[in-house]
Amino acid sequence: MPPDARILIAADHTDSLYALESALAPLGHLLGRATSGDEALKQILRGTVGLLLLDVRVPGAGGLEVVRYMRRLEQTQHIPVVLLTGFGRDPELSAAAYALGVADLVSKPVDPWTLRIKISHLYEAYQHRRALEREIRELRARLHTAHTAELERDRT
């Protein structure tokens, strides 16, 4: 995933997309939009999404279905997801969402300031995690190369 991965906003209403983009624009990150769960999944699978802000009720694959699918794939299972709901407090929805590893469940209407803070922290934490994973891979490769060279020296 590139360091400038987008925050993908998936909602079915243009007004909602615009309001959420306006709330997150001050963060300065690239923003993407999707109007269905299927469209969101396509964008996520391209590997350029660093966080998903997803309405529970999007056309096509619904919010929970999208998250369920993401969690099955290695490349997408750790992408933070914030679900938006207009249903208020729904214990069944909350239980299902958190069981799938959703980072947060936010009720509409959304407070822009609170949303910005949550998204900012989740996005940065995910970016740090990815940077650490890259560093670990690089260190393992260097260790493997050094170990292989040492074995070659011992043989000669």
Protein backbone atom coordinates (compact mmCIF):
# COMPACT_ATOMS: atom_id res chain seq x y z
CA MET A 1 0.00 0.00 0.00
CA PRO A 2 1.42 3.39 -0.94
CA PRO A 3 2.13 5.89 1.85
CA ASP A 4 -0.50 8.20 0.39
CA ALA A 5 -3.31 5.65 0.55
CA ARG A 6 -6.77 7.11 0.32
CA ILE A 7 -9.53 7.28 2.85
CA LEU A 8 -12.44 5.71 1.02
CA ILE A 9 -15.91 7.01 1.84
CA ALA A 10 -18.76 4.70 0.82
CA ALA A 11 -22.32 5.97 1.08
CA ASP A 12 -25.35 5.83 -1.18
CA HIS A 13 -26.43 9.47 -1.05
CA THR A 14 -24.50 12.25 -2.78
CA ASP A 15 -25.34 14.61 0.08
CA SER A 16 -23.81 12.20 2.60
CA LEU A 17 -20.67 11.77 0.49
CA TYR A 18 -20.25 15.51 0.16
CA ALA A 19 -20.78 16.12 3.90
CA LEU A 20 -18.30 13.38 4.88
CA GLU A 21 -15.71 14.61 2.36
CA SER A 22 -16.12 18.14 3.72
CA ALA A 23 -15.65 16.88 7.28
CA LEU A 24 -12.47 14.96 6.39
CA ALA A 25 -10.90 17.37 3.88
CA PRO A 26 -9.04 19.36 6.59
CA LEU A 27 -7.00 16.21 7.35
CA GLY A 28 -5.21 16.69 4.04
CA HIS A 29 -5.36 13.02 3.01
CA LEU A 30 -6.48 11.78 -0.37
CA LEU A 31 -10.18 10.95 -0.32
CA GLY A 32 -12.07 8.53 -2.53
CA ARG A 33 -15.75 7.83 -2.89
CA ALA A 34 -17.93 4.86 -3.65
CA THR A 35 -21.70 4.70 -3.95
CA SER A 36 -22.10 0.96 -3.40
CA GLY A 37 -20.52 -1.84 -1.43
CA ASP A 38 -19.42 -3.52 -4.65
CA GLU A 39 -17.69 -0.37 -5.88
CA ALA A 40 -15.99 0.04 -2.49
CA LEU A 41 -14.66 -3.54 -2.66
CA LYS A 42 -13.24 -2.97 -6.14
CA GLN A 43 -11.37 0.10 -4.96
CA ILE A 44 -10.12 -1.65 -1.82
CA LEU A 45 -8.81 -4.59 -3.84
CA ARG A 46 -6.74 -2.21 -5.97
CA GLY A 47 -4.59 -1.70 -2.86
CA THR A 48 -4.75 2.06 -2.48
CA VAL A 49 -7.15 2.34 0.48
CA GLY A 50 -5.79 3.01 3.96
CA LEU A 51 -9.12 3.40 5.75
CA LEU A 52 -12.76 2.76 4.90
CA LEU A 53 -15.61 4.95 6.14
CA LEU A 54 -18.63 2.87 5.21
CA ASP A 55 -22.36 3.36 5.59
CA VAL A 56 -24.06 0.20 6.85
CA ARG A 57 -26.75 0.62 4.20
CA VAL A 58 -24.99 0.92 0.87
CA PRO A 59 -26.48 -0.65 -2.26
CA GLY A 60 -25.13 -3.98 -3.48
CA ALA A 61 -23.03 -5.68 -0.86
CA GLY A 62 -24.11 -4.04 2.42
CA GLY A 63 -21.69 -2.62 4.94
CA LEU A 64 -21.34 -5.76 7.05
CA GLU A 65 -20.96 -7.92 3.93
CA VAL A 66 -18.14 -5.68 2.69
CA VAL A 67 -16.32 -5.96 6.02
CA ARG A 68 -16.90 -9.73 6.15
CA TYR A 69 -15.30 -10.09 2.72
CA MET A 70 -12.39 -7.78 3.61
CA ARG A 71 -11.56 -9.77 6.73
CA ARG A 72 -11.23 -12.99 4.69
CA LEU A 73 -8.46 -11.58 2.47
CA GLU A 74 -4.92 -11.14 3.76
CA GLN A 75 -4.37 -7.93 1.77
CA THR A 76 -7.45 -6.21 3.24
CA GLN A 77 -8.03 -7.79 6.63
CA HIS A 78 -6.21 -5.09 8.62
CA ILE A 79 -7.64 -2.02 6.89
CA PRO A 80 -9.48 -0.01 9.54
CA VAL A 81 -13.22 0.32 8.95
CA VAL A 82 -15.55 2.84 10.54
CA LEU A 83 -19.22 2.01 9.99
CA LEU A 84 -21.86 4.71 9.83
CA THR A 85 -25.40 3.95 10.90
CA GLY A 86 -28.62 5.89 11.00
CA PHE A 87 -30.28 3.26 13.19
CA GLY A 88 -29.11 4.66 16.51
CA ARG A 89 -28.04 2.16 19.16
CA ASP A 90 -28.63 -1.33 17.82
CA PRO A 91 -27.04 -4.01 20.02
CA GLU A 92 -27.23 -6.67 17.29
CA LEU A 93 -25.57 -4.43 14.71
CA SER A 94 -22.91 -3.39 17.22
CA ALA A 95 -22.17 -7.00 18.16
CA ALA A 96 -21.92 -8.08 14.52
CA ALA A 97 -19.75 -5.10 13.55
CA TYR A 98 -17.29 -5.43 16.41
CA ALA A 99 -17.10 -9.21 15.94
CA LEU A 100 -15.89 -8.50 12.40
CA GLY A 101 -13.18 -6.18 13.72
CA VAL A 102 -14.76 -2.85 12.86
CA ALA A 103 -12.76 -0.05 14.49
CA ASP A 104 -15.83 2.01 15.36
CA LEU A 105 -19.56 2.32 14.76
CA VAL A 106 -20.66 5.95 14.40
CA SER A 107 -24.28 7.10 14.53
CA LYS A 108 -25.61 9.72 12.17
CA PRO A 109 -25.81 12.62 12.20
CA VAL A 110 -22.04 12.73 12.52
CA ASP A 111 -20.16 15.38 14.46
CA PRO A 112 -17.47 16.46 11.94
CA TRP A 113 -14.85 17.31 14.58
CA THR A 114 -15.22 13.96 16.38
CA LEU A 115 -15.17 12.07 13.09
CA ARG A 116 -12.00 13.88 11.98
CA ILE A 117 -10.22 12.97 15.22
CA LYS A 118 -11.24 9.29 15.02
CA ILE A 119 -10.35 8.94 11.36
CA SER A 120 -7.04 10.74 11.82
CA HIS A 121 -5.94 8.44 14.66
CA LEU A 122 -7.06 5.25 12.93
CA TYR A 123 -5.46 6.23 9.61
CA GLU A 124 -2.14 7.16 11.21
CA ALA A 125 -2.06 4.00 13.32
CA TYR A 126 -2.63 1.89 10.21
CA GLN A 127 0.11 3.74 8.31
CA HIS A 128 2.54 3.14 11.19
CA ARG A 129 1.61 -0.53 11.27
CA ARG A 130 2.28 -0.86 7.53
CA ALA A 131 5.62 0.92 7.89
CA LEU A 132 6.65 -1.47 10.67
CA GLU A 133 5.59 -4.47 8.59
CA ARG A 134 7.73 -3.22 5.67
CA GLU A 135 10.69 -2.72 8.00
CA ILE A 136 10.31 -6.23 9.43
CA ARG A 137 10.21 -7.72 5.91
CA GLU A 138 13.35 -5.79 4.96
CA LEU A 139 15.18 -6.88 8.11
CA ARG A 140 14.20 -10.51 7.56
CA ALA A 141 15.46 -10.33 3.97
CA ARG A 142 18.77 -8.84 5.11
CA LEU A 143 19.09 -11.49 7.82
CA HIS A 144 18.37 -14.24 5.30
CA THR A 145 20.97 -12.82 2.89
CA ALA A 146 23.58 -12.58 5.65
CA HIS A 147 22.80 -16.11 6.84
CA THR A 148 23.07 -17.49 3.30
CA ALA A 149 26.41 -15.70 2.77
CA GLU A 150 27.69 -17.13 6.07
CA LEU A 151 26.71 -20.67 5.03
CA GLU A 152 28.53 -20.18 1.72
CA ARG A 153 31.68 -19.02 3.55
CA ASP A 154 31.54 -22.04 5.84
CA ARG A 155 31.37 -24.40 2.86
CA THR A 156 34.51 -22.98 1.29
